Amino acid sequence: MKPSEFFRECVLQNRTQVVARVPTSSDKRRLLYLFNKTSNNMNQLAHAANAAELAGTATPATYAGILAELQAIADAMREAVEHAD
């Protein structure tokens, strides 16, 4: 049976059930936005670290700065999750 035949039969014989999706809360939308933005920031940090390493300009201060940025990101994400519904 082809998929189109199967779906046609299900609809015509009323064997379907529509399930409504629960609306996304504003907190969840905010968290998704924050995590998406965070992913981009982490990629930029990884690129900066890799570029500095390849150029031979990476120093302990470079990595300390990147680590501080990652810690700030983690703190912001933790705070956002704690205040979400």
PDB file of N, CA and C in Angstrom:
ATOM      1  N   MET A   1       0.853  -1.175   0.000  1.00  0.00           N
ATOM      2  CA  MET A   1       0.000   0.000   0.000  1.00  0.00           C
ATOM      3  C   MET A   1       0.900   1.239   0.000  1.00  0.00           C
ATOM      4  N   LYS A   2       0.585   2.149  -0.858  1.00  0.00           N
ATOM      5  CA  LYS A   2       1.345   3.394  -0.947  1.00  0.00           C
ATOM      6  C   LYS A   2       0.968   4.301   0.229  1.00  0.00           C
ATOM      7  N   PRO A   3       1.889   5.179   0.621  1.00  0.00           N
ATOM      8  CA  PRO A   3       1.564   6.093   1.730  1.00  0.00           C
ATOM      9  C   PRO A   3       0.313   6.922   1.463  1.00  0.00           C
ATOM     10  N   SER A   4       0.157   7.393   0.232  1.00  0.00           N
ATOM     11  CA  SER A   4      -1.026   8.211  -0.066  1.00  0.00           C
ATOM     12  C   SER A   4      -2.312   7.400   0.110  1.00  0.00           C
ATOM     13  N   GLU A   5      -2.279   6.131  -0.290  1.00  0.00           N
ATOM     14  CA  GLU A   5      -3.456   5.270  -0.108  1.00  0.00           C
ATOM     15  C   GLU A   5      -3.750   5.052   1.377  1.00  0.00           C
ATOM     16  N   PHE A   6      -2.696   4.833   2.144  1.00  0.00           N
ATOM     17  CA  PHE A   6      -2.856   4.616   3.580  1.00  0.00           C
ATOM     18  C   PHE A   6      -3.497   5.831   4.250  1.00  0.00           C
ATOM     19  N   PHE A   7      -2.954   7.020   3.963  1.00  0.00           N
ATOM     20  CA  PHE A   7      -3.483   8.229   4.598  1.00  0.00           C
ATOM     21  C   PHE A   7      -4.904   8.521   4.132  1.00  0.00           C
ATOM     22  N   ARG A   8      -5.176   8.297   2.861  1.00  0.00           N
ATOM     23  CA  ARG A   8      -6.525   8.513   2.347  1.00  0.00           C
ATOM     24  C   ARG A   8      -7.512   7.600   3.081  1.00  0.00           C
ATOM     25  N   GLU A   9      -7.146   6.338   3.232  1.00  0.00           N
ATOM     26  CA  GLU A   9      -8.011   5.381   3.925  1.00  0.00           C
ATOM     27  C   GLU A   9      -8.227   5.785   5.385  1.00  0.00           C
ATOM     28  N   CYS A  10      -7.170   6.207   6.046  1.00  0.00           N
ATOM     29  CA  CYS A  10      -7.291   6.622   7.455  1.00  0.00           C
ATOM     30  C   CYS A  10      -8.235   7.800   7.604  1.00  0.00           C
ATOM     31  N   VAL A  11      -8.099   8.778   6.715  1.00  0.00           N
ATOM     32  CA  VAL A  11      -8.948   9.966   6.806  1.00  0.00           C
ATOM     33  C   VAL A  11     -10.390   9.625   6.461  1.00  0.00           C
ATOM     34  N   LEU A  12     -10.596   8.866   5.393  1.00  0.00           N
ATOM     35  CA  LEU A  12     -11.963   8.547   4.969  1.00  0.00           C
ATOM     36  C   LEU A  12     -12.692   7.657   5.967  1.00  0.00           C
ATOM     37  N   GLN A  13     -11.958   6.821   6.679  1.00  0.00           N
ATOM     38  CA  GLN A  13     -12.585   5.943   7.670  1.00  0.00           C
ATOM     39  C   GLN A  13     -12.529   6.542   9.076  1.00  0.00           C
ATOM     40  N   ASN A  14     -12.119   7.786   9.147  1.00  0.00           N
ATOM     41  CA  ASN A  14     -12.065   8.523  10.415  1.00  0.00           C
ATOM     42  C   ASN A  14     -11.223   7.795  11.466  1.00  0.00           C
ATOM     43  N   ARG A  15     -10.080   7.294  11.055  1.00  0.00           N
ATOM     44  CA  ARG A  15      -9.171   6.617  11.985  1.00  0.00           C
ATOM     45  C   ARG A  15      -8.034   7.542  12.415  1.00  0.00           C
ATOM     46  N   THR A  16      -8.241   8.804  12.270  1.00  0.00           N
ATOM     47  CA  THR A  16      -7.191   9.761  12.636  1.00  0.00           C
ATOM     48  C   THR A  16      -7.557  10.467  13.927  1.00  0.00           C
ATOM     49  N   GLN A  17      -6.559  10.937  14.599  1.00  0.00           N
ATOM     50  CA  GLN A  17      -6.753  11.690  15.830  1.00  0.00           C
ATOM     51  C   GLN A  17      -5.793  12.873  15.792  1.00  0.00           C
ATOM     52  N   VAL A  18      -6.341  14.064  15.891  1.00  0.00           N
ATOM     53  CA  VAL A  18      -5.527  15.272  15.877  1.00  0.00           C
ATOM     54  C   VAL A  18      -5.131  15.597  17.308  1.00  0.00           C
ATOM     55  N   VAL A  19      -3.840  15.767  17.524  1.00  0.00           N
ATOM     56  CA  VAL A  19      -3.331  16.089  18.854  1.00  0.00           C
ATOM     57  C   VAL A  19      -2.748  17.496  18.796  1.00  0.00           C
ATOM     58  N   ALA A  20      -3.332  18.381  19.578  1.00  0.00           N
ATOM     59  CA  ALA A  20      -2.857  19.765  19.600  1.00  0.00           C
ATOM     60  C   ALA A  20      -1.587  19.865  20.425  1.00  0.00           C
ATOM     61  N   ARG A  21      -0.657  20.623  19.929  1.00  0.00           N
ATOM     62  CA  ARG A  21       0.593  20.847  20.642  1.00  0.00           C
ATOM     63  C   ARG A  21       0.364  21.883  21.743  1.00  0.00           C
ATOM     64  N   VAL A  22       0.938  21.639  22.897  1.00  0.00           N
ATOM     65  CA  VAL A  22       0.824  22.581  24.007  1.00  0.00           C
ATOM     66  C   VAL A  22       1.600  23.845  23.640  1.00  0.00           C
ATOM     67  N   PRO A  23       0.988  25.018  23.799  1.00  0.00           N
ATOM     68  CA  PRO A  23       1.699  26.251  23.452  1.00  0.00           C
ATOM     69  C   PRO A  23       2.986  26.400  24.275  1.00  0.00           C
ATOM     70  N   THR A  24       4.013  26.890  23.630  1.00  0.00           N
ATOM     71  CA  THR A  24       5.294  27.097  24.291  1.00  0.00           C
ATOM     72  C   THR A  24       5.203  28.314  25.200  1.00  0.00           C
ATOM     73  N   SER A  25       5.674  28.158  26.423  1.00  0.00           N
ATOM     74  CA  SER A  25       5.634  29.280  27.363  1.00  0.00           C
ATOM     75  C   SER A  25       6.664  30.326  26.964  1.00  0.00           C
ATOM     76  N   SER A  26       6.461  31.536  27.446  1.00  0.00           N
ATOM     77  CA  SER A  26       7.415  32.608  27.134  1.00  0.00           C
ATOM     78  C   SER A  26       8.782  32.301  27.741  1.00  0.00           C
ATOM     79  N   ASP A  27       8.801  31.637  28.901  1.00  0.00           N
ATOM     80  CA  ASP A  27      10.086  31.264  29.509  1.00  0.00           C
ATOM     81  C   ASP A  27      10.831  30.259  28.638  1.00  0.00           C
ATOM     82  N   LYS A  28      10.090  29.298  28.109  1.00  0.00           N
ATOM     83  CA  LYS A  28      10.733  28.291  27.264  1.00  0.00           C
ATOM     84  C   LYS A  28      11.260  28.927  25.980  1.00  0.00           C
ATOM     85  N   ARG A  29      10.486  29.829  25.397  1.00  0.00           N
ATOM     86  CA  ARG A  29      10.963  30.534  24.197  1.00  0.00           C
ATOM     87  C   ARG A  29      12.222  31.327  24.514  1.00  0.00           C
ATOM     88  N   ARG A  30      12.244  31.954  25.672  1.00  0.00           N
ATOM     89  CA  ARG A  30      13.416  32.738  26.089  1.00  0.00           C
ATOM     90  C   ARG A  30      14.633  31.824  26.276  1.00  0.00           C
ATOM     91  N   LEU A  31      14.427  30.661  26.896  1.00  0.00           N
ATOM     92  CA  LEU A  31      15.533  29.714  27.083  1.00  0.00           C
ATOM     93  C   LEU A  31      16.062  29.210  25.742  1.00  0.00           C
ATOM     94  N   LEU A  32      15.169  28.896  24.820  1.00  0.00           N
ATOM     95  CA  LEU A  32      15.604  28.439  23.502  1.00  0.00           C
ATOM     96  C   LEU A  32      16.428  29.518  22.802  1.00  0.00           C
ATOM     97  N   TYR A  33      15.991  30.765  22.911  1.00  0.00           N
ATOM     98  CA  TYR A  33      16.739  31.882  22.331  1.00  0.00           C
ATOM     99  C   TYR A  33      18.118  31.987  22.984  1.00  0.00           C
ATOM    100  N   LEU A  34      18.151  31.907  24.301  1.00  0.00           N
ATOM    101  CA  LEU A  34      19.410  32.027  25.034  1.00  0.00           C
ATOM    102  C   LEU A  34      20.368  30.891  24.675  1.00  0.00           C
ATOM    103  N   PHE A  35      19.868  29.669  24.613  1.00  0.00           N
ATOM    104  CA  PHE A  35      20.734  28.530  24.280  1.00  0.00           C
ATOM    105  C   PHE A  35      21.245  28.631  22.848  1.00  0.00           C
ATOM    106  N   ASN A  36      20.402  29.110  21.947  1.00  0.00           N
ATOM    107  CA  ASN A  36      20.815  29.295  20.563  1.00  0.00           C
ATOM    108  C   ASN A  36      21.929  30.339  20.476  1.00  0.00           C
ATOM    109  N   LYS A  37      21.747  31.435  21.174  1.00  0.00           N
ATOM    110  CA  LYS A  37      22.744  32.511  21.197  1.00  0.00           C
ATOM    111  C   LYS A  37      24.040  32.008  21.840  1.00  0.00           C
ATOM    112  N   THR A  38      23.912  31.232  22.892  1.00  0.00           N
ATOM    113  CA  THR A  38      25.067  30.689  23.601  1.00  0.00           C
ATOM    114  C   THR A  38      25.885  29.776  22.700  1.00  0.00           C
ATOM    115  N   SER A  39      25.206  28.975  21.914  1.00  0.00           N
ATOM    116  CA  SER A  39      25.896  28.078  20.987  1.00  0.00           C
ATOM    117  C   SER A  39      26.759  28.879  20.027  1.00  0.00           C
ATOM    118  N   ASN A  40      26.232  29.966  19.524  1.00  0.00           N
ATOM    119  CA  ASN A  40      26.985  30.832  18.619  1.00  0.00           C
ATOM    120  C   ASN A  40      28.193  31.438  19.334  1.00  0.00           C
ATOM    121  N   ASN A  41      28.002  31.917  20.553  1.00  0.00           N
ATOM    122  CA  ASN A  41      29.109  32.506  21.316  1.00  0.00           C
ATOM    123  C   ASN A  41      30.205  31.486  21.591  1.00  0.00           C
ATOM    124  N   MET A  42      29.819  30.258  21.911  1.00  0.00           N
ATOM    125  CA  MET A  42      30.818  29.224  22.185  1.00  0.00           C
ATOM    126  C   MET A  42      31.606  28.870  20.921  1.00  0.00           C
ATOM    127  N   ASN A  43      30.935  28.856  19.777  1.00  0.00           N
ATOM    128  CA  ASN A  43      31.645  28.614  18.521  1.00  0.00           C
ATOM    129  C   ASN A  43      32.646  29.728  18.236  1.00  0.00           C
ATOM    130  N   GLN A  44      32.274  30.964  18.525  1.00  0.00           N
ATOM    131  CA  GLN A  44      33.191  32.089  18.327  1.00  0.00           C
ATOM    132  C   GLN A  44      34.402  31.969  19.249  1.00  0.00           C
ATOM    133  N   LEU A  45      34.180  31.554  20.489  1.00  0.00           N
ATOM    134  CA  LEU A  45      35.297  31.373  21.419  1.00  0.00           C
ATOM    135  C   LEU A  45      36.222  30.255  20.950  1.00  0.00           C
ATOM    136  N   ALA A  46      35.647  29.161  20.475  1.00  0.00           N
ATOM    137  CA  ALA A  46      36.459  28.049  19.975  1.00  0.00           C
ATOM    138  C   ALA A  46      37.269  28.488  18.763  1.00  0.00           C
ATOM    139  N   HIS A  47      36.660  29.259  17.888  1.00  0.00           N
ATOM    140  CA  HIS A  47      37.366  29.761  16.705  1.00  0.00           C
ATOM    141  C   HIS A  47      38.515  30.677  17.122  1.00  0.00           C
ATOM    142  N   ALA A  48      38.272  31.553  18.081  1.00  0.00           N
ATOM    143  CA  ALA A  48      39.323  32.466  18.550  1.00  0.00           C
ATOM    144  C   ALA A  48      40.480  31.692  19.164  1.00  0.00           C
ATOM    145  N   ALA A  49      40.173  30.680  19.957  1.00  0.00           N
ATOM    146  CA  ALA A  49      41.228  29.874  20.580  1.00  0.00           C
ATOM    147  C   ALA A  49      42.029  29.128  19.522  1.00  0.00           C
ATOM    148  N   ASN A  50      41.340  28.553  18.555  1.00  0.00           N
ATOM    149  CA  ASN A  50      42.015  27.813  17.495  1.00  0.00           C
ATOM    150  C   ASN A  50      42.879  28.742  16.641  1.00  0.00           C
ATOM    151  N   ALA A  51      42.349  29.902  16.299  1.00  0.00           N
ATOM    152  CA  ALA A  51      43.109  30.859  15.485  1.00  0.00           C
ATOM    153  C   ALA A  51      44.357  31.324  16.226  1.00  0.00           C
ATOM    154  N   ALA A  52      44.229  31.605  17.519  1.00  0.00           N
ATOM    155  CA  ALA A  52      45.386  32.041  18.310  1.00  0.00           C
ATOM    156  C   ALA A  52      46.422  30.925  18.405  1.00  0.00           C
ATOM    157  N   GLU A  53      45.960  29.705  18.571  1.00  0.00           N
ATOM    158  CA  GLU A  53      46.875  28.562  18.664  1.00  0.00           C
ATOM    159  C   GLU A  53      47.619  28.359  17.344  1.00  0.00           C
ATOM    160  N   LEU A  54      46.896  28.418  16.237  1.00  0.00           N
ATOM    161  CA  LEU A  54      47.522  28.232  14.924  1.00  0.00           C
ATOM    162  C   LEU A  54      48.493  29.359  14.588  1.00  0.00           C
ATOM    163  N   ALA A  55      48.175  30.573  15.039  1.00  0.00           N
ATOM    164  CA  ALA A  55      49.048  31.720  14.778  1.00  0.00           C
ATOM    165  C   ALA A  55      50.226  31.766  15.743  1.00  0.00           C
ATOM    166  N   GLY A  56      50.189  30.930  16.759  1.00  0.00           N
ATOM    167  CA  GLY A  56      51.266  30.923  17.747  1.00  0.00           C
ATOM    168  C   GLY A  56      51.191  32.079  18.725  1.00  0.00           C
ATOM    169  N   THR A  57      50.027  32.692  18.817  1.00  0.00           N
ATOM    170  CA  THR A  57      49.870  33.843  19.715  1.00  0.00           C
ATOM    171  C   THR A  57      49.091  33.497  20.983  1.00  0.00           C
ATOM    172  N   ALA A  58      48.721  32.237  21.142  1.00  0.00           N
ATOM    173  CA  ALA A  58      47.962  31.830  22.327  1.00  0.00           C
ATOM    174  C   ALA A  58      48.862  31.874  23.555  1.00  0.00           C
ATOM    175  N   THR A  59      48.344  32.475  24.603  1.00  0.00           N
ATOM    176  CA  THR A  59      49.072  32.572  25.868  1.00  0.00           C
ATOM    177  C   THR A  59      48.157  32.070  26.979  1.00  0.00           C
ATOM    178  N   PRO A  60      48.694  31.867  28.153  1.00  0.00           N
ATOM    179  CA  PRO A  60      47.810  31.516  29.275  1.00  0.00           C
ATOM    180  C   PRO A  60      46.709  32.559  29.489  1.00  0.00           C
ATOM    181  N   ALA A  61      47.022  33.819  29.220  1.00  0.00           N
ATOM    182  CA  ALA A  61      46.013  34.873  29.369  1.00  0.00           C
ATOM    183  C   ALA A  61      44.886  34.698  28.347  1.00  0.00           C
ATOM    184  N   THR A  62      45.235  34.234  27.149  1.00  0.00           N
ATOM    185  CA  THR A  62      44.220  33.970  26.123  1.00  0.00           C
ATOM    186  C   THR A  62      43.224  32.943  26.636  1.00  0.00           C
ATOM    187  N   TYR A  63      43.764  31.850  27.158  1.00  0.00           N
ATOM    188  CA  TYR A  63      42.894  30.777  27.644  1.00  0.00           C
ATOM    189  C   TYR A  63      42.151  31.176  28.916  1.00  0.00           C
ATOM    190  N   ALA A  64      42.762  31.996  29.743  1.00  0.00           N
ATOM    191  CA  ALA A  64      42.078  32.480  30.946  1.00  0.00           C
ATOM    192  C   ALA A  64      40.889  33.355  30.557  1.00  0.00           C
ATOM    193  N   GLY A  65      41.065  34.184  29.536  1.00  0.00           N
ATOM    194  CA  GLY A  65      39.971  35.027  29.058  1.00  0.00           C
ATOM    195  C   GLY A  65      38.831  34.203  28.496  1.00  0.00           C
ATOM    196  N   ILE A  66      39.182  33.180  27.723  1.00  0.00           N
ATOM    197  CA  ILE A  66      38.158  32.302  27.154  1.00  0.00           C
ATOM    198  C   ILE A  66      37.430  31.548  28.263  1.00  0.00           C
ATOM    199  N   LEU A  67      38.182  31.075  29.241  1.00  0.00           N
ATOM    200  CA  LEU A  67      37.566  30.375  30.369  1.00  0.00           C
ATOM    201  C   LEU A  67      36.619  31.296  31.138  1.00  0.00           C
ATOM    202  N   ALA A  68      37.008  32.548  31.314  1.00  0.00           N
ATOM    203  CA  ALA A  68      36.142  33.512  32.002  1.00  0.00           C
ATOM    204  C   ALA A  68      34.850  33.730  31.218  1.00  0.00           C
ATOM    205  N   GLU A  69      34.959  33.816  29.896  1.00  0.00           N
ATOM    206  CA  GLU A  69      33.765  33.977  29.062  1.00  0.00           C
ATOM    207  C   GLU A  69      32.851  32.757  29.174  1.00  0.00           C
ATOM    208  N   LEU A  70      33.448  31.570  29.146  1.00  0.00           N
ATOM    209  CA  LEU A  70      32.652  30.348  29.282  1.00  0.00           C
ATOM    210  C   LEU A  70      31.959  30.282  30.640  1.00  0.00           C
ATOM    211  N   GLN A  71      32.640  30.730  31.683  1.00  0.00           N
ATOM    212  CA  GLN A  71      32.037  30.742  33.017  1.00  0.00           C
ATOM    213  C   GLN A  71      30.873  31.720  33.068  1.00  0.00           C
ATOM    214  N   ALA A  72      31.028  32.876  32.424  1.00  0.00           N
ATOM    215  CA  ALA A  72      29.942  33.858  32.382  1.00  0.00           C
ATOM    216  C   ALA A  72      28.737  33.292  31.632  1.00  0.00           C
ATOM    217  N   ILE A  73      28.996  32.581  30.543  1.00  0.00           N
ATOM    218  CA  ILE A  73      27.912  31.947  29.786  1.00  0.00           C
ATOM    219  C   ILE A  73      27.198  30.915  30.656  1.00  0.00           C
ATOM    220  N   ALA A  74      27.971  30.079  31.351  1.00  0.00           N
ATOM    221  CA  ALA A  74      27.382  29.054  32.218  1.00  0.00           C
ATOM    222  C   ALA A  74      26.544  29.690  33.322  1.00  0.00           C
ATOM    223  N   ASP A  75      27.040  30.759  33.909  1.00  0.00           N
ATOM    224  CA  ASP A  75      26.295  31.448  34.970  1.00  0.00           C
ATOM    225  C   ASP A  75      24.982  32.019  34.441  1.00  0.00           C
ATOM    226  N   ALA A  76      25.032  32.636  33.258  1.00  0.00           N
ATOM    227  CA  ALA A  76      23.823  33.221  32.669  1.00  0.00           C
ATOM    228  C   ALA A  76      22.796  32.137  32.351  1.00  0.00           C
ATOM    229  N   MET A  77      23.269  31.010  31.839  1.00  0.00           N
ATOM    230  CA  MET A  77      22.349  29.912  31.526  1.00  0.00           C
ATOM    231  C   MET A  77      21.745  29.330  32.798  1.00  0.00           C
ATOM    232  N   ARG A  78      22.558  29.157  33.826  1.00  0.00           N
ATOM    233  CA  ARG A  78      22.071  28.616  35.097  1.00  0.00           C
ATOM    234  C   ARG A  78      21.003  29.537  35.687  1.00  0.00           C
ATOM    235  N   GLU A  79      21.255  30.826  35.659  1.00  0.00           N
ATOM    236  CA  GLU A  79      20.296  31.788  36.205  1.00  0.00           C
ATOM    237  C   GLU A  79      18.992  31.764  35.406  1.00  0.00           C
ATOM    238  N   ALA A  80      19.103  31.678  34.089  1.00  0.00           N
ATOM    239  CA  ALA A  80      17.899  31.650  33.251  1.00  0.00           C
ATOM    240  C   ALA A  80      17.065  30.408  33.533  1.00  0.00           C
ATOM    241  N   VAL A  81      17.710  29.270  33.690  1.00  0.00           N
ATOM    242  CA  VAL A  81      16.987  28.022  33.962  1.00  0.00           C
ATOM    243  C   VAL A  81      16.323  28.071  35.337  1.00  0.00           C
ATOM    244  N   GLU A  82      17.008  28.632  36.318  1.00  0.00           N
ATOM    245  CA  GLU A  82      16.449  28.711  37.671  1.00  0.00           C
ATOM    246  C   GLU A  82      15.212  29.598  37.729  1.00  0.00           C
ATOM    247  N   HIS A  83      15.121  30.592  36.845  1.00  0.00           N
ATOM    248  CA  HIS A  83      13.994  31.516  36.871  1.00  0.00           C
ATOM    249  C   HIS A  83      12.907  31.158  35.860  1.00  0.00           C
ATOM    250  N   ALA A  84      13.060  30.045  35.174  1.00  0.00           N
ATOM    251  CA  ALA A  84      12.050  29.630  34.190  1.00  0.00           C
ATOM    252  C   ALA A  84      10.907  28.910  34.894  1.00  0.00           C
ATOM    253  N   ASP A  85       9.749  28.922  34.231  1.00  0.00           N
ATOM    254  CA  ASP A  85       8.599  28.216  34.816  1.00  0.00           C
ATOM    255  C   ASP A  85       8.685  26.733  34.585  1.00  0.00           C
TER     256      ASP A  85
END
